[in-house]
Amino acid sequence: MLRVMDDSHTGAFGVIAIVLLLFFKIHAIEAIDSERWRALLAAPVLSRWAMVLLAYRSKAAKEGLGSTLIDHLSTKHFFISTFVTLLLVAAVLRGTGVFMMARVAIFGLASKNYFQRRLVV
């Protein structure tokens, strides 16, 4: 699986995945009814925090940028990023933002558990 992920060739399925991803992103942005700017402001904040959540206390499958992040991420960094994210998301989206952050945490931890079992030997 790691060998396939290292392959630099895109292939037909890669192109299809990119096109579908762009289609779904555009459709999701268009589906937001009111105050679209709030969601567009909170989404990158939550996605960056999800990277920190996934990297915290993880094991790297191989050397690379991810392993560098994992090696330098301390408990202090994790708690500071969680606190700042909570403040920003709560300020922008109020209660809905806190609920979204909880959903990102649940999905992120489930994904982390799956990929740790699948990729790290």
C-alpha atoms as a PDB file:
ATOM      1  CA  MET A   1       0.000   0.000   0.000  1.00  0.00           C
ATOM      2  CA  LEU A   2       2.846   2.393   0.787  1.00  0.00           C
ATOM      3  CA  ARG A   3       4.480   1.592  -2.568  1.00  0.00           C
ATOM      4  CA  VAL A   4       1.272   2.559  -4.392  1.00  0.00           C
ATOM      5  CA  MET A   5       1.060   5.812  -2.405  1.00  0.00           C
ATOM      6  CA  ASP A   6       4.663   6.651  -3.389  1.00  0.00           C
ATOM      7  CA  ASP A   7       3.950   6.213  -7.116  1.00  0.00           C
ATOM      8  CA  SER A   8       4.002   9.626  -8.806  1.00  0.00           C
ATOM      9  CA  HIS A   9       1.845   8.567 -11.770  1.00  0.00           C
ATOM     10  CA  THR A  10      -1.754   9.722 -11.530  1.00  0.00           C
ATOM     11  CA  GLY A  11      -3.619   7.198 -13.658  1.00  0.00           C
ATOM     12  CA  ALA A  12      -7.264   7.122 -14.694  1.00  0.00           C
ATOM     13  CA  PHE A  13      -8.664   6.558 -11.205  1.00  0.00           C
ATOM     14  CA  GLY A  14      -6.587   9.441  -9.853  1.00  0.00           C
ATOM     15  CA  VAL A  15      -7.954  11.822 -12.488  1.00  0.00           C
ATOM     16  CA  ILE A  16     -11.514  10.638 -11.798  1.00  0.00           C
ATOM     17  CA  ALA A  17     -10.964  11.168  -8.057  1.00  0.00           C
ATOM     18  CA  ILE A  18      -9.668  14.714  -8.597  1.00  0.00           C
ATOM     19  CA  VAL A  19     -12.598  15.636 -10.858  1.00  0.00           C
ATOM     20  CA  LEU A  20     -15.148  14.202  -8.412  1.00  0.00           C
ATOM     21  CA  LEU A  21     -13.471  15.944  -5.479  1.00  0.00           C
ATOM     22  CA  LEU A  22     -13.666  19.308  -7.222  1.00  0.00           C
ATOM     23  CA  PHE A  23     -17.281  18.652  -8.239  1.00  0.00           C
ATOM     24  CA  PHE A  24     -18.314  17.776  -4.675  1.00  0.00           C
ATOM     25  CA  LYS A  25     -16.481  20.774  -3.206  1.00  0.00           C
ATOM     26  CA  ILE A  26     -18.179  23.176  -5.615  1.00  0.00           C
ATOM     27  CA  HIS A  27     -21.555  21.565  -4.966  1.00  0.00           C
ATOM     28  CA  ALA A  28     -21.053  21.725  -1.181  1.00  0.00           C
ATOM     29  CA  ILE A  29     -20.182  25.433  -1.316  1.00  0.00           C
ATOM     30  CA  GLU A  30     -23.223  26.151  -3.495  1.00  0.00           C
ATOM     31  CA  ALA A  31     -25.497  24.202  -1.120  1.00  0.00           C
ATOM     32  CA  ILE A  32     -24.727  26.477   1.831  1.00  0.00           C
ATOM     33  CA  ASP A  33     -27.760  28.717   2.208  1.00  0.00           C
ATOM     34  CA  SER A  34     -26.946  31.687   4.384  1.00  0.00           C
ATOM     35  CA  GLU A  35     -23.780  33.206   5.750  1.00  0.00           C
ATOM     36  CA  ARG A  36     -21.499  31.145   3.529  1.00  0.00           C
ATOM     37  CA  TRP A  37     -18.495  33.125   4.718  1.00  0.00           C
ATOM     38  CA  ARG A  38     -18.713  31.559   8.186  1.00  0.00           C
ATOM     39  CA  ALA A  39     -18.368  28.026   6.840  1.00  0.00           C
ATOM     40  CA  LEU A  40     -15.605  29.071   4.443  1.00  0.00           C
ATOM     41  CA  LEU A  41     -13.716  30.610   7.362  1.00  0.00           C
ATOM     42  CA  ALA A  42     -14.169  27.655   9.730  1.00  0.00           C
ATOM     43  CA  ALA A  43     -13.377  24.860   7.255  1.00  0.00           C
ATOM     44  CA  PRO A  44      -9.629  25.554   6.900  1.00  0.00           C
ATOM     45  CA  VAL A  45      -9.288  26.037  10.656  1.00  0.00           C
ATOM     46  CA  LEU A  46     -10.881  22.653  11.351  1.00  0.00           C
ATOM     47  CA  SER A  47      -8.880  20.927   8.620  1.00  0.00           C
ATOM     48  CA  ARG A  48      -5.552  22.215   9.981  1.00  0.00           C
ATOM     49  CA  TRP A  49      -6.548  21.148  13.478  1.00  0.00           C
ATOM     50  CA  ALA A  50      -7.488  17.703  12.158  1.00  0.00           C
ATOM     51  CA  MET A  51      -3.903  17.307  10.896  1.00  0.00           C
ATOM     52  CA  VAL A  52      -2.603  18.066  14.380  1.00  0.00           C
ATOM     53  CA  LEU A  53      -5.120  15.644  15.893  1.00  0.00           C
ATOM     54  CA  LEU A  54      -4.045  12.878  13.512  1.00  0.00           C
ATOM     55  CA  ALA A  55      -0.356  13.491  14.126  1.00  0.00           C
ATOM     56  CA  TYR A  56      -0.576  13.649  17.923  1.00  0.00           C
ATOM     57  CA  ARG A  57       0.882  10.469  19.455  1.00  0.00           C
ATOM     58  CA  SER A  58       1.006   8.707  16.088  1.00  0.00           C
ATOM     59  CA  LYS A  59       3.650   6.506  14.573  1.00  0.00           C
ATOM     60  CA  ALA A  60       5.009   7.335  11.139  1.00  0.00           C
ATOM     61  CA  ALA A  61       4.844   4.566   8.544  1.00  0.00           C
ATOM     62  CA  LYS A  62       8.005   5.905   6.873  1.00  0.00           C
ATOM     63  CA  GLU A  63      10.298   8.925   6.775  1.00  0.00           C
ATOM     64  CA  GLY A  64       8.911  12.115   5.239  1.00  0.00           C
ATOM     65  CA  LEU A  65       7.077  15.343   6.042  1.00  0.00           C
ATOM     66  CA  GLY A  66       4.535  13.511   8.189  1.00  0.00           C
ATOM     67  CA  SER A  67       7.214  11.921  10.323  1.00  0.00           C
ATOM     68  CA  THR A  68       8.826  15.332  10.834  1.00  0.00           C
ATOM     69  CA  LEU A  69       5.509  16.747  12.055  1.00  0.00           C
ATOM     70  CA  ILE A  70       4.956  13.760  14.349  1.00  0.00           C
ATOM     71  CA  ASP A  71       8.479  14.003  15.797  1.00  0.00           C
ATOM     72  CA  HIS A  72       8.166  17.716  16.631  1.00  0.00           C
ATOM     73  CA  LEU A  73       4.567  17.751  17.903  1.00  0.00           C
ATOM     74  CA  SER A  74       4.421  17.961  21.675  1.00  0.00           C
ATOM     75  CA  THR A  75       1.493  17.817  24.091  1.00  0.00           C
ATOM     76  CA  LYS A  76       1.781  21.572  24.584  1.00  0.00           C
ATOM     77  CA  HIS A  77       1.400  22.175  20.845  1.00  0.00           C
ATOM     78  CA  PHE A  78      -1.618  19.879  20.691  1.00  0.00           C
ATOM     79  CA  PHE A  79      -3.448  21.608  23.547  1.00  0.00           C
ATOM     80  CA  ILE A  80      -2.651  25.109  22.283  1.00  0.00           C
ATOM     81  CA  SER A  81      -3.900  24.270  18.788  1.00  0.00           C
ATOM     82  CA  THR A  82      -7.055  22.673  20.229  1.00  0.00           C
ATOM     83  CA  PHE A  83      -7.770  25.715  22.389  1.00  0.00           C
ATOM     84  CA  VAL A  84      -7.174  28.216  19.574  1.00  0.00           C
ATOM     85  CA  THR A  85      -9.310  26.164  17.176  1.00  0.00           C
ATOM     86  CA  LEU A  86     -12.111  25.932  19.719  1.00  0.00           C
ATOM     87  CA  LEU A  87     -12.036  29.696  20.256  1.00  0.00           C
ATOM     88  CA  LEU A  88     -12.012  30.528  16.551  1.00  0.00           C
ATOM     89  CA  VAL A  89     -14.704  28.045  15.564  1.00  0.00           C
ATOM     90  CA  ALA A  90     -16.924  29.020  18.489  1.00  0.00           C
ATOM     91  CA  ALA A  91     -16.510  32.698  17.611  1.00  0.00           C
ATOM     92  CA  VAL A  92     -17.387  32.170  13.964  1.00  0.00           C
ATOM     93  CA  LEU A  93     -20.054  29.454  14.127  1.00  0.00           C
ATOM     94  CA  ARG A  94     -21.066  29.528  17.799  1.00  0.00           C
ATOM     95  CA  GLY A  95     -22.647  26.260  19.020  1.00  0.00           C
ATOM     96  CA  THR A  96     -22.664  24.724  15.565  1.00  0.00           C
ATOM     97  CA  GLY A  97     -18.907  25.197  15.370  1.00  0.00           C
ATOM     98  CA  VAL A  98     -18.299  23.341  18.615  1.00  0.00           C
ATOM     99  CA  PHE A  99     -20.538  20.526  17.350  1.00  0.00           C
ATOM    100  CA  MET A 100     -18.593  20.442  14.058  1.00  0.00           C
ATOM    101  CA  MET A 101     -15.310  20.316  15.963  1.00  0.00           C
ATOM    102  CA  ALA A 102     -16.573  17.323  17.950  1.00  0.00           C
ATOM    103  CA  ARG A 103     -17.577  15.574  14.722  1.00  0.00           C
ATOM    104  CA  VAL A 104     -14.154  16.269  13.190  1.00  0.00           C
ATOM    105  CA  ALA A 105     -12.528  14.842  16.332  1.00  0.00           C
ATOM    106  CA  ILE A 106     -14.616  11.648  16.250  1.00  0.00           C
ATOM    107  CA  PHE A 107     -14.022  11.093  12.537  1.00  0.00           C
ATOM    108  CA  GLY A 108     -10.338  11.988  12.864  1.00  0.00           C
ATOM    109  CA  LEU A 109      -9.715   9.589  15.741  1.00  0.00           C
ATOM    110  CA  ALA A 110     -11.575   6.782  13.962  1.00  0.00           C
ATOM    111  CA  SER A 111      -9.514   7.407  10.818  1.00  0.00           C
ATOM    112  CA  LYS A 112      -6.319   7.536  12.825  1.00  0.00           C
ATOM    113  CA  ASN A 113      -7.111   4.196  14.456  1.00  0.00           C
ATOM    114  CA  TYR A 114      -7.893   2.579  11.098  1.00  0.00           C
ATOM    115  CA  PHE A 115      -4.808   3.849   9.290  1.00  0.00           C
ATOM    116  CA  GLN A 116      -2.484   3.081  12.196  1.00  0.00           C
ATOM    117  CA  ARG A 117      -3.625  -0.544  12.086  1.00  0.00           C
ATOM    118  CA  ARG A 118      -3.503  -0.651   8.286  1.00  0.00           C
ATOM    119  CA  LEU A 119      -0.216   1.135   7.466  1.00  0.00           C
ATOM    120  CA  VAL A 120       2.122   0.905  10.451  1.00  0.00           C
ATOM    121  CA  VAL A 121       3.679  -2.483  10.919  1.00  0.00           C
END
